[in-house]
Amino acid sequence: MVAARTSLSEIVKTFEDLQDEITSGLEALDGEGRFHEDRWLREKGGGGRTRILLNGQVFEKAGVAFSHVSGPLPEAVAAGMNAPAGTAFDATGVSIVIHPSSPRLPIIHMNIRYFCMEGGNEWFGGGIDLTPIYLNPEDAHFFHAEIRKVCDRYSVEFYPKYKKWCDEYFYIKHRKETRGIGGVFFDHLTSQSPEERQLNFEFTRALGRAFVPIYAELINRHRNEPFTEREKQFQLLRRSRYVEFNLVYDRGTRFGLETDGRIESIMMSMPPQANWTYNYQPEKGSPEAFTLEMLRPTDWLKG
């Protein structure tokens, strides 16, 4: 039996619903903060809904953005895809970045997306990754184990393949360190059959639906732990690495800028505050030193 083809409009609606589900879950998790929504239109086609929560009980800044943009491919983007400039395209997705107030709580990012263009080329992409301020191996194991469960429901090849891709993608070359402890990342996930296309769509959706339960467990483990001013300052330093990656390497940021996206939505991933400390050197044997030493590809499920 041939799988029914999920239409573009159905994919768009799925991502809209995921945005609603995730923002509701995050508001419940924070317990105090509420999202403010900006609806916007793109002059050349499409638009979106950007939702931001600021200065909540748990989250200093949380952004959950949905977009569906369309129109002719700009020349620079088309060249990178070996397509004629002006080729019609549609791109839709949900992007999430959360910066908690406490340095005991990790930064998290997730993005799921679908892209299609004139001529029939289409693919899914996305991923989820965690950036702890202070690395906790038990939390790292939990995070990767839960992500692997989602992957294994669709293919046992997904987790090892996309985990490796994530480690390579979220690598800050000029710092020679990973952004955090990774997760999974995939892009240009094309399909050779209707059945494979449906599987790729369902996998992408399942990853989005796993976001709140996984992050809620990590938040609830540490939300009431006290922290010091020294730890807060280290958080601001770690945030600066996050900024460097997003501005120098992140594909989504570049795509948004090259397609005349809404700048406030593109930059929602930026933390409200970050510090650049000149030639920072952690004290030997400190929790800060341990975290920085562990910013490398690691098998968190080993053993």
C-alpha atoms as a PDB file:
ATOM      1  CA  MET A   1       0.000   0.000   0.000  1.00  0.00           C
ATOM      2  CA  VAL A   2       1.414   3.391  -1.025  1.00  0.00           C
ATOM      3  CA  ALA A   3       1.648   5.911   1.823  1.00  0.00           C
ATOM      4  CA  ALA A   4      -0.639   8.915   1.498  1.00  0.00           C
ATOM      5  CA  ARG A   5       1.352  12.014   0.590  1.00  0.00           C
ATOM      6  CA  THR A   6       1.325  14.630   3.334  1.00  0.00           C
ATOM      7  CA  SER A   7       0.723  17.968   1.622  1.00  0.00           C
ATOM      8  CA  LEU A   8       2.589  21.209   2.163  1.00  0.00           C
ATOM      9  CA  SER A   9      -0.451  22.683   3.906  1.00  0.00           C
ATOM     10  CA  GLU A  10      -0.592  19.698   6.280  1.00  0.00           C
ATOM     11  CA  ILE A  11       3.106  20.066   7.104  1.00  0.00           C
ATOM     12  CA  VAL A  12       2.628  23.789   7.748  1.00  0.00           C
ATOM     13  CA  LYS A  13      -0.336  23.055  10.050  1.00  0.00           C
ATOM     14  CA  THR A  14       1.707  20.416  11.901  1.00  0.00           C
ATOM     15  CA  PHE A  15       4.442  22.956  12.618  1.00  0.00           C
ATOM     16  CA  GLU A  16       1.911  25.589  13.701  1.00  0.00           C
ATOM     17  CA  ASP A  17       0.361  23.085  16.114  1.00  0.00           C
ATOM     18  CA  LEU A  18       3.800  22.160  17.452  1.00  0.00           C
ATOM     19  CA  GLN A  19       4.508  25.800  18.199  1.00  0.00           C
ATOM     20  CA  ASP A  20       1.256  25.984  20.188  1.00  0.00           C
ATOM     21  CA  GLU A  21       2.049  22.765  22.046  1.00  0.00           C
ATOM     22  CA  ILE A  22       5.590  23.814  22.918  1.00  0.00           C
ATOM     23  CA  THR A  23       4.761  27.334  24.081  1.00  0.00           C
ATOM     24  CA  SER A  24       1.964  26.008  26.311  1.00  0.00           C
ATOM     25  CA  GLY A  25       4.320  23.410  27.769  1.00  0.00           C
ATOM     26  CA  LEU A  26       7.046  25.975  28.436  1.00  0.00           C
ATOM     27  CA  GLU A  27       4.631  28.377  30.125  1.00  0.00           C
ATOM     28  CA  ALA A  28       3.502  25.583  32.430  1.00  0.00           C
ATOM     29  CA  LEU A  29       7.132  24.674  33.129  1.00  0.00           C
ATOM     30  CA  ASP A  30       8.101  28.258  33.923  1.00  0.00           C
ATOM     31  CA  GLY A  31       5.040  28.750  36.108  1.00  0.00           C
ATOM     32  CA  GLU A  32       5.013  32.542  35.788  1.00  0.00           C
ATOM     33  CA  GLY A  33       6.160  33.840  32.416  1.00  0.00           C
ATOM     34  CA  ARG A  34       3.928  34.217  29.374  1.00  0.00           C
ATOM     35  CA  PHE A  35       4.832  34.396  25.702  1.00  0.00           C
ATOM     36  CA  HIS A  36       4.283  37.564  23.703  1.00  0.00           C
ATOM     37  CA  GLU A  37       3.478  36.911  20.033  1.00  0.00           C
ATOM     38  CA  ASP A  38       4.486  38.961  17.019  1.00  0.00           C
ATOM     39  CA  ARG A  39       2.845  38.041  13.722  1.00  0.00           C
ATOM     40  CA  TRP A  40       4.800  39.195  10.719  1.00  0.00           C
ATOM     41  CA  LEU A  41       4.661  39.135   6.937  1.00  0.00           C
ATOM     42  CA  ARG A  42       7.570  38.793   4.537  1.00  0.00           C
ATOM     43  CA  GLU A  43       7.405  41.234   1.666  1.00  0.00           C
ATOM     44  CA  LYS A  44       8.440  38.637  -0.912  1.00  0.00           C
ATOM     45  CA  GLY A  45       6.070  35.951   0.386  1.00  0.00           C
ATOM     46  CA  GLY A  46       4.943  34.250   3.561  1.00  0.00           C
ATOM     47  CA  GLY A  47       5.403  35.180   7.183  1.00  0.00           C
ATOM     48  CA  GLY A  48       5.306  33.741  10.649  1.00  0.00           C
ATOM     49  CA  ARG A  49       4.631  33.952  14.369  1.00  0.00           C
ATOM     50  CA  THR A  50       7.468  34.733  16.752  1.00  0.00           C
ATOM     51  CA  ARG A  51       6.784  34.139  20.437  1.00  0.00           C
ATOM     52  CA  ILE A  52       9.098  35.437  23.165  1.00  0.00           C
ATOM     53  CA  LEU A  53       8.987  34.943  26.934  1.00  0.00           C
ATOM     54  CA  LEU A  54      11.169  37.320  28.959  1.00  0.00           C
ATOM     55  CA  ASN A  55      12.183  37.322  32.637  1.00  0.00           C
ATOM     56  CA  GLY A  56      10.012  34.462  33.768  1.00  0.00           C
ATOM     57  CA  GLN A  57      10.484  32.461  36.936  1.00  0.00           C
ATOM     58  CA  VAL A  58      12.829  29.992  35.179  1.00  0.00           C
ATOM     59  CA  PHE A  59      13.524  31.383  31.703  1.00  0.00           C
ATOM     60  CA  GLU A  60      15.355  34.659  31.248  1.00  0.00           C
ATOM     61  CA  LYS A  61      14.571  34.474  27.541  1.00  0.00           C
ATOM     62  CA  ALA A  62      12.698  31.815  25.594  1.00  0.00           C
ATOM     63  CA  GLY A  63      11.907  32.054  21.896  1.00  0.00           C
ATOM     64  CA  VAL A  64       9.627  29.766  19.903  1.00  0.00           C
ATOM     65  CA  ALA A  65       9.236  30.807  16.268  1.00  0.00           C
ATOM     66  CA  PHE A  66       7.099  29.402  13.471  1.00  0.00           C
ATOM     67  CA  SER A  67       7.598  30.529   9.892  1.00  0.00           C
ATOM     68  CA  HIS A  68       6.371  29.696   6.421  1.00  0.00           C
ATOM     69  CA  VAL A  69       8.127  31.744   3.762  1.00  0.00           C
ATOM     70  CA  SER A  70       7.941  31.435  -0.008  1.00  0.00           C
ATOM     71  CA  GLY A  71       8.828  33.160  -3.246  1.00  0.00           C
ATOM     72  CA  PRO A  72      11.767  33.215  -5.659  1.00  0.00           C
ATOM     73  CA  LEU A  73      15.141  31.963  -4.394  1.00  0.00           C
ATOM     74  CA  PRO A  74      17.666  34.798  -3.998  1.00  0.00           C
ATOM     75  CA  GLU A  75      20.702  34.425  -6.227  1.00  0.00           C
ATOM     76  CA  ALA A  76      23.128  33.608  -3.384  1.00  0.00           C
ATOM     77  CA  VAL A  77      20.856  30.885  -1.968  1.00  0.00           C
ATOM     78  CA  ALA A  78      20.081  29.443  -5.409  1.00  0.00           C
ATOM     79  CA  ALA A  79      23.779  29.165  -6.232  1.00  0.00           C
ATOM     80  CA  GLY A  80      24.365  27.116  -3.107  1.00  0.00           C
ATOM     81  CA  MET A  81      21.590  24.736  -4.163  1.00  0.00           C
ATOM     82  CA  ASN A  82      22.634  24.472  -7.819  1.00  0.00           C
ATOM     83  CA  ALA A  83      19.291  25.960  -8.821  1.00  0.00           C
ATOM     84  CA  PRO A  84      18.504  28.864 -11.141  1.00  0.00           C
ATOM     85  CA  ALA A  85      18.056  32.188  -9.380  1.00  0.00           C
ATOM     86  CA  GLY A  86      14.367  32.948  -9.044  1.00  0.00           C
ATOM     87  CA  THR A  87      13.301  29.302  -8.595  1.00  0.00           C
ATOM     88  CA  ALA A  88      10.121  29.223  -6.527  1.00  0.00           C
ATOM     89  CA  PHE A  89      10.478  27.774  -3.029  1.00  0.00           C
ATOM     90  CA  ASP A  90       8.584  27.166   0.205  1.00  0.00           C
ATOM     91  CA  ALA A  91      10.268  26.783   3.594  1.00  0.00           C
ATOM     92  CA  THR A  92       8.488  26.167   6.864  1.00  0.00           C
ATOM     93  CA  GLY A  93       9.596  25.200  10.334  1.00  0.00           C
ATOM     94  CA  VAL A  94       9.738  25.765  14.055  1.00  0.00           C
ATOM     95  CA  SER A  95      12.818  27.069  15.844  1.00  0.00           C
ATOM     96  CA  ILE A  96      13.374  27.194  19.599  1.00  0.00           C
ATOM     97  CA  VAL A  97      16.153  28.647  21.737  1.00  0.00           C
ATOM     98  CA  ILE A  98      15.890  28.951  25.518  1.00  0.00           C
ATOM     99  CA  HIS A  99      18.227  30.786  27.880  1.00  0.00           C
ATOM    100  CA  PRO A 100      17.380  30.039  31.538  1.00  0.00           C
ATOM    101  CA  SER A 101      18.196  32.496  34.315  1.00  0.00           C
ATOM    102  CA  SER A 102      20.072  29.982  36.455  1.00  0.00           C
ATOM    103  CA  PRO A 103      23.518  28.736  35.416  1.00  0.00           C
ATOM    104  CA  ARG A 104      22.410  25.385  36.818  1.00  0.00           C
ATOM    105  CA  LEU A 105      20.037  25.002  33.875  1.00  0.00           C
ATOM    106  CA  PRO A 106      21.155  24.288  30.291  1.00  0.00           C
ATOM    107  CA  ILE A 107      20.568  26.317  27.161  1.00  0.00           C
ATOM    108  CA  ILE A 108      18.607  24.283  24.636  1.00  0.00           C
ATOM    109  CA  HIS A 109      17.994  24.634  20.911  1.00  0.00           C
ATOM    110  CA  MET A 110      15.697  22.789  18.555  1.00  0.00           C
ATOM    111  CA  ASN A 111      14.779  23.326  14.935  1.00  0.00           C
ATOM    112  CA  ILE A 112      12.621  21.279  12.597  1.00  0.00           C
ATOM    113  CA  ARG A 113      11.979  22.332   9.029  1.00  0.00           C
ATOM    114  CA  TYR A 114      10.735  21.396   5.578  1.00  0.00           C
ATOM    115  CA  PHE A 115      11.921  22.865   2.292  1.00  0.00           C
ATOM    116  CA  CYS A 116      10.632  22.367  -1.236  1.00  0.00           C
ATOM    117  CA  MET A 117      11.200  24.127  -4.507  1.00  0.00           C
ATOM    118  CA  GLU A 118       9.996  24.199  -8.069  1.00  0.00           C
ATOM    119  CA  GLY A 119      10.951  21.028  -9.881  1.00  0.00           C
ATOM    120  CA  GLY A 120      10.064  18.684  -7.037  1.00  0.00           C
ATOM    121  CA  ASN A 121      13.176  18.867  -4.864  1.00  0.00           C
ATOM    122  CA  GLU A 122      12.251  18.682  -1.181  1.00  0.00           C
ATOM    123  CA  TRP A 123      13.722  17.671   2.154  1.00  0.00           C
ATOM    124  CA  PHE A 124      13.274  17.684   5.907  1.00  0.00           C
ATOM    125  CA  GLY A 125      15.847  18.910   8.373  1.00  0.00           C
ATOM    126  CA  GLY A 126      16.311  19.727  11.999  1.00  0.00           C
ATOM    127  CA  GLY A 127      17.820  18.682  15.260  1.00  0.00           C
ATOM    128  CA  ILE A 128      18.059  19.266  18.974  1.00  0.00           C
ATOM    129  CA  ASP A 129      21.128  20.009  21.044  1.00  0.00           C
ATOM    130  CA  LEU A 130      21.919  20.916  24.644  1.00  0.00           C
ATOM    131  CA  THR A 131      24.404  23.463  25.954  1.00  0.00           C
ATOM    132  CA  PRO A 132      24.969  23.056  29.693  1.00  0.00           C
ATOM    133  CA  ILE A 133      26.688  25.844  31.560  1.00  0.00           C
ATOM    134  CA  TYR A 134      27.978  23.286  34.070  1.00  0.00           C
ATOM    135  CA  LEU A 135      28.239  19.842  32.559  1.00  0.00           C
ATOM    136  CA  ASN A 136      26.482  17.055  34.445  1.00  0.00           C
ATOM    137  CA  PRO A 137      27.273  13.582  33.012  1.00  0.00           C
ATOM    138  CA  GLU A 138      23.995  12.097  34.345  1.00  0.00           C
ATOM    139  CA  ASP A 139      22.001  14.794  32.577  1.00  0.00           C
ATOM    140  CA  ALA A 140      24.017  14.257  29.395  1.00  0.00           C
ATOM    141  CA  HIS A 141      23.263  10.525  29.521  1.00  0.00           C
ATOM    142  CA  PHE A 142      19.543  11.146  30.072  1.00  0.00           C
ATOM    143  CA  PHE A 143      19.327  13.662  27.229  1.00  0.00           C
ATOM    144  CA  HIS A 144      21.043  11.422  24.705  1.00  0.00           C
ATOM    145  CA  ALA A 145      19.147   8.319  25.830  1.00  0.00           C
ATOM    146  CA  GLU A 146      15.808  10.064  25.294  1.00  0.00           C
ATOM    147  CA  ILE A 147      16.836  11.385  21.893  1.00  0.00           C
ATOM    148  CA  ARG A 148      17.993   7.926  20.901  1.00  0.00           C
ATOM    149  CA  LYS A 149      14.592   6.466  21.864  1.00  0.00           C
ATOM    150  CA  VAL A 150      12.904   8.856  19.428  1.00  0.00           C
ATOM    151  CA  CYS A 151      15.372   8.024  16.663  1.00  0.00           C
ATOM    152  CA  ASP A 152      15.184   4.258  17.150  1.00  0.00           C
ATOM    153  CA  ARG A 153      11.405   4.260  16.601  1.00  0.00           C
ATOM    154  CA  TYR A 154      12.092   5.172  12.969  1.00  0.00           C
ATOM    155  CA  SER A 155      15.542   3.746  12.247  1.00  0.00           C
ATOM    156  CA  VAL A 156      18.359   2.393  14.401  1.00  0.00           C
ATOM    157  CA  GLU A 157      20.714   4.152  11.996  1.00  0.00           C
ATOM    158  CA  PHE A 158      19.374   7.623  12.806  1.00  0.00           C
ATOM    159  CA  TYR A 159      20.902   8.238  16.238  1.00  0.00           C
ATOM    160  CA  PRO A 160      24.549   7.326  15.536  1.00  0.00           C
ATOM    161  CA  LYS A 161      24.456   9.030  12.147  1.00  0.00           C
ATOM    162  CA  TYR A 162      22.755  12.233  13.304  1.00  0.00           C
ATOM    163  CA  LYS A 163      24.637  12.360  16.606  1.00  0.00           C
ATOM    164  CA  LYS A 164      27.926  12.401  14.691  1.00  0.00           C
ATOM    165  CA  TRP A 165      26.555  15.039  12.331  1.00  0.00           C
ATOM    166  CA  CYS A 166      25.519  17.146  15.335  1.00  0.00           C
ATOM    167  CA  ASP A 167      28.966  16.916  16.932  1.00  0.00           C
ATOM    168  CA  GLU A 168      30.533  18.044  13.663  1.00  0.00           C
ATOM    169  CA  TYR A 169      28.003  20.790  12.929  1.00  0.00           C
ATOM    170  CA  PHE A 170      27.975  22.417  16.369  1.00  0.00           C
ATOM    171  CA  TYR A 171      31.742  22.650  16.528  1.00  0.00           C
ATOM    172  CA  ILE A 172      33.206  26.103  17.107  1.00  0.00           C
ATOM    173  CA  LYS A 173      36.285  25.846  14.930  1.00  0.00           C
ATOM    174  CA  HIS A 174      37.979  29.013  16.136  1.00  0.00           C
ATOM    175  CA  ARG A 175      37.617  27.836  19.772  1.00  0.00           C
ATOM    176  CA  LYS A 176      38.349  24.185  18.993  1.00  0.00           C
ATOM    177  CA  GLU A 177      35.420  23.099  21.125  1.00  0.00           C
ATOM    178  CA  THR A 178      31.843  21.902  20.689  1.00  0.00           C
ATOM    179  CA  ARG A 179      29.036  24.303  21.532  1.00  0.00           C
ATOM    180  CA  GLY A 180      27.693  21.897  24.140  1.00  0.00           C
ATOM    181  CA  ILE A 181      27.057  18.173  24.498  1.00  0.00           C
ATOM    182  CA  GLY A 182      25.393  17.800  21.105  1.00  0.00           C
ATOM    183  CA  GLY A 183      22.276  15.798  20.373  1.00  0.00           C
ATOM    184  CA  VAL A 184      21.170  15.059  16.824  1.00  0.00           C
ATOM    185  CA  PHE A 185      21.251  17.110  13.632  1.00  0.00           C
ATOM    186  CA  PHE A 186      20.116  16.275  10.109  1.00  0.00           C
ATOM    187  CA  ASP A 187      19.627  18.247   6.923  1.00  0.00           C
ATOM    188  CA  HIS A 188      18.593  17.635   3.316  1.00  0.00           C
ATOM    189  CA  LEU A 189      16.784  14.468   4.423  1.00  0.00           C
ATOM    190  CA  THR A 190      15.416  13.448   1.023  1.00  0.00           C
ATOM    191  CA  SER A 191      13.151  10.516   0.189  1.00  0.00           C
ATOM    192  CA  GLN A 192      13.340   7.790  -2.436  1.00  0.00           C
ATOM    193  CA  SER A 193       9.745   6.609  -1.995  1.00  0.00           C
ATOM    194  CA  PRO A 194       6.396   7.812  -0.592  1.00  0.00           C
ATOM    195  CA  GLU A 195       6.888   5.486   2.393  1.00  0.00           C
ATOM    196  CA  GLU A 196      10.305   6.949   3.164  1.00  0.00           C
ATOM    197  CA  ARG A 197       8.954  10.486   2.824  1.00  0.00           C
ATOM    198  CA  GLN A 198       6.197   9.711   5.341  1.00  0.00           C
ATOM    199  CA  LEU A 199       8.726   8.174   7.724  1.00  0.00           C
ATOM    200  CA  ASN A 200      10.944  11.261   7.462  1.00  0.00           C
ATOM    201  CA  PHE A 201       7.987  13.533   8.148  1.00  0.00           C
ATOM    202  CA  GLU A 202       6.845  11.488  11.140  1.00  0.00           C
ATOM    203  CA  PHE A 203      10.375  11.360  12.552  1.00  0.00           C
ATOM    204  CA  THR A 204      10.706  15.143  12.243  1.00  0.00           C
ATOM    205  CA  ARG A 205       7.356  15.642  13.968  1.00  0.00           C
ATOM    206  CA  ALA A 206       8.206  13.153  16.746  1.00  0.00           C
ATOM    207  CA  LEU A 207      11.439  14.975  17.501  1.00  0.00           C
ATOM    208  CA  GLY A 208       9.461  18.193  17.899  1.00  0.00           C
ATOM    209  CA  ARG A 209       6.947  16.563  20.227  1.00  0.00           C
ATOM    210  CA  ALA A 210       9.731  15.140  22.409  1.00  0.00           C
ATOM    211  CA  PHE A 211      11.139  18.579  23.163  1.00  0.00           C
ATOM    212  CA  VAL A 212       9.020  19.612  26.162  1.00  0.00           C
ATOM    213  CA  PRO A 213       9.083  16.289  28.089  1.00  0.00           C
ATOM    214  CA  ILE A 214      12.867  15.976  27.758  1.00  0.00           C
ATOM    215  CA  TYR A 215      13.626  19.578  28.691  1.00  0.00           C
ATOM    216  CA  ALA A 216      11.102  19.590  31.538  1.00  0.00           C
ATOM    217  CA  GLU A 217      12.914  16.675  33.190  1.00  0.00           C
ATOM    218  CA  LEU A 218      16.241  18.512  33.032  1.00  0.00           C
ATOM    219  CA  ILE A 219      14.740  21.749  34.350  1.00  0.00           C
ATOM    220  CA  ASN A 220      12.931  20.067  37.236  1.00  0.00           C
ATOM    221  CA  ARG A 221      16.105  18.264  38.319  1.00  0.00           C
ATOM    222  CA  HIS A 222      17.931  21.533  39.029  1.00  0.00           C
ATOM    223  CA  ARG A 223      15.485  24.457  39.087  1.00  0.00           C
ATOM    224  CA  ASN A 224      15.714  25.005  42.839  1.00  0.00           C
ATOM    225  CA  GLU A 225      19.494  24.724  43.194  1.00  0.00           C
ATOM    226  CA  PRO A 226      21.234  27.874  44.490  1.00  0.00           C
ATOM    227  CA  PHE A 227      24.068  29.461  42.535  1.00  0.00           C
ATOM    228  CA  THR A 228      26.830  31.965  43.158  1.00  0.00           C
ATOM    229  CA  GLU A 229      27.898  35.154  41.401  1.00  0.00           C
ATOM    230  CA  ARG A 230      30.970  33.300  40.117  1.00  0.00           C
ATOM    231  CA  GLU A 231      28.681  30.723  38.484  1.00  0.00           C
ATOM    232  CA  LYS A 232      26.534  33.475  36.976  1.00  0.00           C
ATOM    233  CA  GLN A 233      29.617  35.065  35.446  1.00  0.00           C
ATOM    234  CA  PHE A 234      30.632  31.720  33.939  1.00  0.00           C
ATOM    235  CA  GLN A 235      27.155  31.442  32.445  1.00  0.00           C
ATOM    236  CA  LEU A 236      27.654  34.784  30.691  1.00  0.00           C
ATOM    237  CA  LEU A 237      30.982  33.569  29.322  1.00  0.00           C
ATOM    238  CA  ARG A 238      29.410  30.339  28.032  1.00  0.00           C
ATOM    239  CA  ARG A 239      26.635  32.351  26.412  1.00  0.00           C
ATOM    240  CA  SER A 240      29.247  34.295  24.445  1.00  0.00           C
ATOM    241  CA  ARG A 241      30.356  31.050  22.782  1.00  0.00           C
ATOM    242  CA  TYR A 242      26.724  30.466  21.821  1.00  0.00           C
ATOM    243  CA  VAL A 243      26.592  33.887  20.171  1.00  0.00           C
ATOM    244  CA  GLU A 244      29.826  33.260  18.288  1.00  0.00           C
ATOM    245  CA  PHE A 245      28.551  30.019  16.805  1.00  0.00           C
ATOM    246  CA  ASN A 246      25.199  31.445  15.746  1.00  0.00           C
ATOM    247  CA  LEU A 247      26.694  34.479  14.038  1.00  0.00           C
ATOM    248  CA  VAL A 248      29.640  32.741  12.381  1.00  0.00           C
ATOM    249  CA  TYR A 249      28.451  29.241  11.460  1.00  0.00           C
ATOM    250  CA  ASP A 250      24.712  28.705  11.859  1.00  0.00           C
ATOM    251  CA  ARG A 251      22.969  27.842   8.564  1.00  0.00           C
ATOM    252  CA  GLY A 252      19.549  29.000   9.735  1.00  0.00           C
ATOM    253  CA  THR A 253      20.869  32.441  10.622  1.00  0.00           C
ATOM    254  CA  ARG A 254      22.550  32.745   7.228  1.00  0.00           C
ATOM    255  CA  PHE A 255      19.460  31.512   5.359  1.00  0.00           C
ATOM    256  CA  GLY A 256      17.244  33.993   7.187  1.00  0.00           C
ATOM    257  CA  LEU A 257      19.540  36.903   6.402  1.00  0.00           C
ATOM    258  CA  GLU A 258      20.009  35.874   2.756  1.00  0.00           C
ATOM    259  CA  THR A 259      16.247  35.547   2.179  1.00  0.00           C
ATOM    260  CA  ASP A 260      15.344  38.901   3.758  1.00  0.00           C
ATOM    261  CA  GLY A 261      13.842  37.280   6.837  1.00  0.00           C
ATOM    262  CA  ARG A 262      12.530  39.217   9.802  1.00  0.00           C
ATOM    263  CA  ILE A 263      15.641  40.284  11.712  1.00  0.00           C
ATOM    264  CA  GLU A 264      14.034  40.186  15.181  1.00  0.00           C
ATOM    265  CA  SER A 265      12.969  36.588  14.579  1.00  0.00           C
ATOM    266  CA  ILE A 266      16.368  35.593  13.191  1.00  0.00           C
ATOM    267  CA  MET A 267      18.157  37.071  16.195  1.00  0.00           C
ATOM    268  CA  MET A 268      15.792  35.673  18.818  1.00  0.00           C
ATOM    269  CA  SER A 269      18.418  33.003  19.517  1.00  0.00           C
ATOM    270  CA  MET A 270      20.716  35.597  21.074  1.00  0.00           C
ATOM    271  CA  PRO A 271      20.894  35.610  24.891  1.00  0.00           C
ATOM    272  CA  PRO A 272      19.767  38.766  26.697  1.00  0.00           C
ATOM    273  CA  GLN A 273      23.282  39.184  28.076  1.00  0.00           C
ATOM    274  CA  ALA A 274      26.705  37.642  27.401  1.00  0.00           C
ATOM    275  CA  ASN A 275      30.278  38.463  28.386  1.00  0.00           C
ATOM    276  CA  TRP A 276      33.595  38.161  26.573  1.00  0.00           C
ATOM    277  CA  THR A 277      36.304  37.749  29.205  1.00  0.00           C
ATOM    278  CA  TYR A 278      39.797  38.272  27.827  1.00  0.00           C
ATOM    279  CA  ASN A 279      41.931  35.103  27.936  1.00  0.00           C
ATOM    280  CA  TYR A 280      39.705  33.344  30.458  1.00  0.00           C
ATOM    281  CA  GLN A 281      41.532  30.543  32.289  1.00  0.00           C
ATOM    282  CA  PRO A 282      39.522  28.388  34.709  1.00  0.00           C
ATOM    283  CA  GLU A 283      41.014  27.256  37.985  1.00  0.00           C
ATOM    284  CA  LYS A 284      42.501  23.780  37.671  1.00  0.00           C
ATOM    285  CA  GLY A 285      40.185  21.082  38.968  1.00  0.00           C
ATOM    286  CA  SER A 286      37.197  23.451  39.091  1.00  0.00           C
ATOM    287  CA  PRO A 287      33.710  22.687  37.734  1.00  0.00           C
ATOM    288  CA  GLU A 288      34.368  25.340  35.097  1.00  0.00           C
ATOM    289  CA  ALA A 289      37.535  23.580  33.974  1.00  0.00           C
ATOM    290  CA  PHE A 290      35.723  20.236  33.839  1.00  0.00           C
ATOM    291  CA  THR A 291      33.007  21.658  31.608  1.00  0.00           C
ATOM    292  CA  LEU A 292      35.457  23.239  29.184  1.00  0.00           C
ATOM    293  CA  GLU A 293      37.572  20.075  29.058  1.00  0.00           C
ATOM    294  CA  MET A 294      34.494  18.035  28.098  1.00  0.00           C
ATOM    295  CA  LEU A 295      33.486  20.220  25.139  1.00  0.00           C
ATOM    296  CA  ARG A 296      34.411  17.588  22.594  1.00  0.00           C
ATOM    297  CA  PRO A 297      32.522  14.775  20.837  1.00  0.00           C
ATOM    298  CA  THR A 298      31.685  12.207  23.535  1.00  0.00           C
ATOM    299  CA  ASP A 299      29.769   8.930  23.628  1.00  0.00           C
ATOM    300  CA  TRP A 300      27.407   9.818  26.473  1.00  0.00           C
ATOM    301  CA  LEU A 301      25.666   6.432  26.291  1.00  0.00           C
ATOM    302  CA  LYS A 302      28.835   4.353  26.602  1.00  0.00           C
ATOM    303  CA  GLY A 303      28.502   1.746  29.338  1.00  0.00           C
END
